[in-house]
Amino acid sequence: MTDSESNFLLRAREARANDIAAVIVTVVRGSTVGAKLLLISDDVRGSLGTTELDDAGLATAREAVTTGKSGIVALSPDVDAFVDVFLPPPLLVLIGAVHVAQAVVTFARPLGFRIVVVDARQTLATLERFPEVDDLIVAWPDEAYPRLPITPSSAIVILTHDPKFDEPAILGALGTDAGYIGAVGSRKTNVDRRERLLEAGATDEQIDRVHGPIGLDIGGNTPEEMAVSILAEIIAVRNDRTGGSLRRATGSIRGDGD
């Protein structure tokens, strides 16, 4: 490994450790094989050999930050590059320190999420009840959202099941870039909630971002089953899948195309 390769890799790993996405683009086919470009936020280092390749590589790197997918891409008919994405752990924000939230934390931890629980009720939002979370915020959601690094890879799960808590939380979530927003509640609850959100100023397009009733249809009733359902839907949305049975699915099974 050359000094440049080592330096780029070190910078990318440091960025990820600081909750900043980084992408290394390396030419693997073409006249400039081995040339590298590093993107961290708006900071660009290195070169792929030409202005045209740098422009294509930078556009590809920015897209990769959104998709989170590494792999080989064509920068031109004669040039292929390997795009190596270094994303921070996806942020999972749980609004409501309830029993289902405890179960979600248990199952989300091994999935690699950075987990934050938010609840204004200090009696519920305690480290005794949530010892494994990365952050526990005792505040209303509209106070907590600005303090969190919410990006398109983030998921916001609203579990309060009380209009005076969950509707302000949904309205606040709609003002973020979160790639997934879900809220508990029956079909009737969601129909009624939609009307109130419209009256509060949300648009139909904004409300369509909210997954409600939350989770995949697996018939779960216990907090643990509901947690599996919710996390499965988050993963399906992240991979642009419907979450149906693999027996009836077409195309690749895994999200990486295998």
Protein backbone atom coordinates (compact mmCIF):
# COMPACT_ATOMS: atom_id res chain seq x y z
CA MET A 1 0.00 0.00 0.00
CA THR A 2 1.43 3.38 -1.04
CA ASP A 3 1.55 6.45 1.20
CA SER A 4 -1.32 7.98 -0.78
CA GLU A 5 -3.46 4.85 -0.44
CA SER A 6 -2.71 4.61 3.27
CA ASN A 7 -3.43 8.31 3.78
CA PHE A 8 -6.76 8.18 1.95
CA LEU A 9 -7.85 5.08 3.83
CA LEU A 10 -6.88 6.62 7.16
CA ARG A 11 -8.77 9.82 6.37
CA ALA A 12 -11.88 7.86 5.30
CA ARG A 13 -11.86 5.79 8.48
CA GLU A 14 -11.36 8.87 10.66
CA ALA A 15 -14.27 10.59 8.93
CA ARG A 16 -16.53 7.59 9.53
CA ALA A 17 -15.51 7.51 13.20
CA ASN A 18 -16.61 11.15 13.41
CA ASP A 19 -20.02 10.42 11.84
CA ILE A 20 -19.00 11.84 8.46
CA ALA A 21 -19.40 9.89 5.22
CA ALA A 22 -16.37 9.35 2.99
CA VAL A 23 -15.87 7.77 -0.42
CA ILE A 24 -12.70 6.60 -2.17
CA VAL A 25 -12.90 6.17 -5.95
CA THR A 26 -10.10 4.10 -7.51
CA VAL A 27 -9.59 3.52 -11.23
CA VAL A 28 -9.38 -0.23 -11.88
CA ARG A 29 -9.56 -0.23 -15.69
CA GLY A 30 -8.17 2.38 -18.04
CA SER A 31 -5.02 4.34 -18.71
CA THR A 32 -4.85 5.73 -15.16
CA VAL A 33 -5.25 2.48 -13.22
CA GLY A 34 -4.61 3.07 -9.52
CA ALA A 35 -5.49 6.78 -9.56
CA LYS A 36 -7.63 7.78 -6.58
CA LEU A 37 -10.08 10.44 -5.51
CA LEU A 38 -11.30 10.96 -1.94
CA LEU A 39 -14.53 12.75 -1.04
CA ILE A 40 -15.27 13.80 2.56
CA SER A 41 -18.20 16.22 2.81
CA ASP A 42 -17.24 18.95 0.32
CA ASP A 43 -13.51 18.24 0.59
CA VAL A 44 -12.08 16.52 -2.50
CA ARG A 45 -8.53 15.17 -2.65
CA GLY A 46 -6.59 13.35 -5.34
CA SER A 47 -7.30 12.97 -9.03
CA LEU A 48 -8.35 10.22 -11.42
CA GLY A 49 -6.13 11.60 -14.17
CA THR A 50 -8.30 13.99 -16.17
CA THR A 51 -10.86 16.70 -15.50
CA GLU A 52 -13.57 14.60 -17.14
CA LEU A 53 -12.78 11.57 -14.98
CA ASP A 54 -12.61 13.73 -11.86
CA ASP A 55 -16.06 15.16 -12.61
CA ALA A 56 -17.49 11.69 -13.24
CA GLY A 57 -15.78 10.27 -10.16
CA LEU A 58 -17.03 13.08 -7.94
CA ALA A 59 -20.62 12.67 -9.17
CA THR A 60 -20.37 8.93 -8.57
CA ALA A 61 -18.96 9.46 -5.07
CA ARG A 62 -21.76 11.84 -4.13
CA GLU A 63 -24.36 9.38 -5.36
CA ALA A 64 -22.67 6.61 -3.38
CA VAL A 65 -23.02 8.65 -0.18
CA THR A 66 -26.79 8.56 -0.74
CA THR A 67 -27.06 4.90 -1.75
CA GLY A 68 -24.40 3.63 0.64
CA LYS A 69 -23.35 0.99 -1.87
CA SER A 70 -19.76 0.12 -2.80
CA GLY A 71 -18.86 -1.54 -6.10
CA ILE A 72 -17.43 -1.15 -9.57
CA VAL A 73 -18.91 1.54 -11.81
CA ALA A 74 -18.16 2.76 -15.34
CA LEU A 75 -16.87 6.34 -15.39
CA SER A 76 -16.57 6.27 -19.18
CA PRO A 77 -16.63 3.61 -21.93
CA ASP A 78 -12.93 2.98 -21.31
CA VAL A 79 -12.63 3.52 -17.56
CA ASP A 80 -14.03 1.56 -14.61
CA ALA A 81 -13.56 2.49 -10.98
CA PHE A 82 -14.12 0.85 -7.64
CA VAL A 83 -16.21 3.01 -5.32
CA ASP A 84 -15.49 2.30 -1.65
CA VAL A 85 -18.06 3.89 0.68
CA PHE A 86 -17.33 4.58 4.36
CA LEU A 87 -20.60 5.47 6.05
CA PRO A 88 -21.10 6.07 9.77
CA PRO A 89 -23.44 3.60 11.49
CA PRO A 90 -27.01 4.40 10.42
CA LEU A 91 -28.84 6.48 13.01
CA LEU A 92 -32.00 5.01 14.53
CA VAL A 93 -34.07 7.55 16.47
CA LEU A 94 -36.77 6.09 18.69
CA ILE A 95 -39.38 8.58 19.83
CA GLY A 96 -41.04 7.23 22.97
CA ALA A 97 -39.29 5.27 25.73
CA VAL A 98 -41.92 2.53 25.73
CA HIS A 99 -41.73 -1.28 25.91
CA VAL A 100 -41.58 -1.67 22.13
CA ALA A 101 -38.64 0.74 22.07
CA GLN A 102 -36.78 -1.51 24.51
CA ALA A 103 -37.32 -4.48 22.21
CA VAL A 104 -36.25 -2.48 19.15
CA VAL A 105 -33.01 -1.52 20.91
CA THR A 106 -32.29 -5.19 21.69
CA PHE A 107 -32.59 -6.25 18.06
CA ALA A 108 -31.16 -3.10 16.45
CA ARG A 109 -27.88 -3.25 18.35
CA PRO A 110 -26.43 -6.28 16.47
CA LEU A 111 -27.64 -4.74 13.18
CA GLY A 112 -25.11 -1.96 13.61
CA PHE A 113 -27.39 1.02 14.26
CA ARG A 114 -26.40 4.00 16.33
CA ILE A 115 -29.44 4.18 18.61
CA VAL A 116 -30.93 7.28 20.21
CA VAL A 117 -34.06 7.25 22.40
CA VAL A 118 -36.00 10.49 22.83
CA ASP A 119 -38.75 11.08 25.39
CA ALA A 120 -39.74 14.10 27.44
CA ARG A 121 -40.95 11.83 30.26
CA GLN A 122 -37.97 11.51 32.57
CA THR A 123 -39.51 8.61 34.48
CA LEU A 124 -39.43 6.49 31.28
CA ALA A 125 -36.25 7.76 29.62
CA THR A 126 -33.74 6.25 32.02
CA LEU A 127 -30.47 4.39 31.57
CA GLU A 128 -31.86 1.62 33.77
CA ARG A 129 -34.50 0.93 31.10
CA PHE A 130 -32.22 1.66 28.13
CA PRO A 131 -28.66 0.71 29.12
CA GLU A 132 -27.52 -0.14 25.57
CA VAL A 133 -28.44 3.04 23.70
CA ASP A 134 -25.80 5.42 22.35
CA ASP A 135 -27.71 8.45 23.54
CA LEU A 136 -30.76 9.07 25.70
CA ILE A 137 -32.36 12.48 25.26
CA VAL A 138 -34.93 13.72 27.75
CA ALA A 139 -36.69 16.32 25.58
CA TRP A 140 -39.55 16.86 23.18
CA PRO A 141 -38.82 15.63 19.64
CA ASP A 142 -38.73 19.15 18.17
CA GLU A 143 -35.99 19.98 20.67
CA ALA A 144 -34.07 16.77 19.96
CA TYR A 145 -34.12 16.68 16.14
CA PRO A 146 -31.76 19.66 15.64
CA ARG A 147 -29.23 18.00 17.94
CA LEU A 148 -29.05 14.81 15.87
CA PRO A 149 -27.08 14.12 12.64
CA ILE A 150 -30.15 12.96 10.69
CA THR A 151 -29.31 12.01 7.09
CA PRO A 152 -30.99 9.97 4.32
CA SER A 153 -29.57 6.82 5.96
CA SER A 154 -31.34 7.61 9.25
CA ALA A 155 -34.59 6.09 10.51
CA ILE A 156 -37.06 7.81 12.83
CA VAL A 157 -39.49 5.49 14.62
CA ILE A 158 -42.34 7.12 16.53
CA LEU A 159 -43.75 4.80 19.18
CA THR A 160 -45.63 7.08 21.57
CA HIS A 161 -49.13 6.14 20.32
CA ASP A 162 -50.57 9.39 21.67
CA PRO A 163 -51.60 12.26 19.35
CA LYS A 164 -50.21 14.96 21.62
CA PHE A 165 -46.79 13.29 21.39
CA ASP A 166 -46.66 11.53 18.02
CA GLU A 167 -48.17 14.17 15.73
CA PRO A 168 -45.66 16.91 16.65
CA ALA A 169 -42.97 14.23 16.37
CA ILE A 170 -44.13 13.31 12.85
CA LEU A 171 -44.30 16.95 11.75
CA GLY A 172 -40.76 17.47 13.04
CA ALA A 173 -39.52 14.30 11.34
CA LEU A 174 -40.96 15.48 8.01
CA GLY A 175 -38.63 18.46 8.24
CA THR A 176 -35.57 16.18 8.28
CA ASP A 177 -33.79 14.17 5.58
CA ALA A 178 -34.52 10.83 7.27
CA GLY A 179 -34.83 8.02 4.75
CA TYR A 180 -37.39 6.21 6.90
CA ILE A 181 -40.14 7.64 9.10
CA GLY A 182 -42.58 5.25 10.78
CA ALA A 183 -45.33 5.71 13.35
CA VAL A 184 -47.33 3.20 15.35
CA GLY A 185 -51.10 3.10 15.14
CA SER A 186 -53.95 1.18 13.54
CA ARG A 187 -55.24 1.87 10.04
CA LYS A 188 -58.05 3.99 11.50
CA THR A 189 -55.56 5.87 13.66
CA ASN A 190 -53.48 6.63 10.59
CA VAL A 191 -56.50 7.83 8.59
CA ASP A 192 -57.54 10.17 11.41
CA ARG A 193 -53.94 11.25 11.98
CA ARG A 194 -53.53 12.08 8.30
CA GLU A 195 -56.44 14.51 8.46
CA ARG A 196 -54.99 16.23 11.52
CA LEU A 197 -51.54 16.45 9.92
CA LEU A 198 -53.08 18.04 6.81
CA GLU A 199 -54.85 20.54 9.02
CA ALA A 200 -51.52 21.25 10.72
CA GLY A 201 -50.01 22.20 7.35
CA ALA A 202 -48.39 19.01 6.09
CA THR A 203 -48.90 18.10 2.44
CA ASP A 204 -50.10 14.76 1.07
CA GLU A 205 -46.65 14.19 -0.42
CA GLN A 206 -44.98 14.78 2.93
CA ILE A 207 -47.37 12.50 4.80
CA ASP A 208 -46.78 9.76 2.25
CA ARG A 209 -43.24 9.55 3.61
CA VAL A 210 -44.63 8.15 6.86
CA HIS A 211 -44.90 4.37 7.17
CA GLY A 212 -48.06 3.78 9.12
CA PRO A 213 -49.22 1.34 10.26
CA ILE A 214 -45.55 0.76 10.95
CA GLY A 215 -43.68 -2.43 10.09
CA LEU A 216 -44.13 -5.44 7.84
CA ASP A 217 -47.25 -7.58 7.98
CA ILE A 218 -46.04 -10.59 10.00
CA GLY A 219 -48.94 -10.67 12.46
CA GLY A 220 -46.79 -9.69 15.42
CA ASN A 221 -48.39 -8.80 18.75
CA THR A 222 -45.65 -8.83 21.38
CA PRO A 223 -43.14 -5.98 21.71
CA GLU A 224 -40.43 -8.31 20.40
CA GLU A 225 -42.46 -9.33 17.34
CA MET A 226 -43.34 -5.70 16.65
CA ALA A 227 -39.64 -4.81 16.90
CA VAL A 228 -38.74 -7.46 14.30
CA SER A 229 -41.50 -6.16 12.04
CA ILE A 230 -40.32 -2.55 12.34
CA LEU A 231 -36.64 -3.28 11.79
CA ALA A 232 -37.42 -5.55 8.85
CA GLU A 233 -39.33 -2.73 7.19
CA ILE A 234 -36.48 -0.27 7.80
CA ILE A 235 -34.04 -2.68 6.15
CA ALA A 236 -36.43 -3.30 3.24
CA VAL A 237 -36.88 0.43 2.64
CA ARG A 238 -33.13 0.99 2.81
CA ASN A 239 -32.63 -1.66 0.11
CA ASP A 240 -35.63 -0.49 -1.97
CA ARG A 241 -37.52 -3.74 -1.38
CA THR A 242 -41.17 -4.40 -0.59
CA GLY A 243 -40.48 -6.84 2.23
CA GLY A 244 -42.59 -9.63 0.77
CA SER A 245 -41.86 -13.35 0.91
CA LEU A 246 -38.71 -14.43 -0.95
CA ARG A 247 -40.72 -17.34 -2.35
CA ARG A 248 -42.64 -14.85 -4.45
CA ALA A 249 -39.77 -12.46 -5.15
CA THR A 250 -38.09 -12.07 -8.51
CA GLY A 251 -34.56 -10.94 -9.21
CA SER A 252 -31.66 -11.08 -6.77
CA ILE A 253 -32.20 -12.22 -3.18
CA ARG A 254 -29.55 -10.10 -1.52
CA GLY A 255 -29.36 -6.33 -1.72
CA ASP A 256 -25.95 -6.46 -3.38
CA GLY A 257 -27.27 -8.36 -6.38
CA ASP A 258 -26.37 -11.96 -5.47
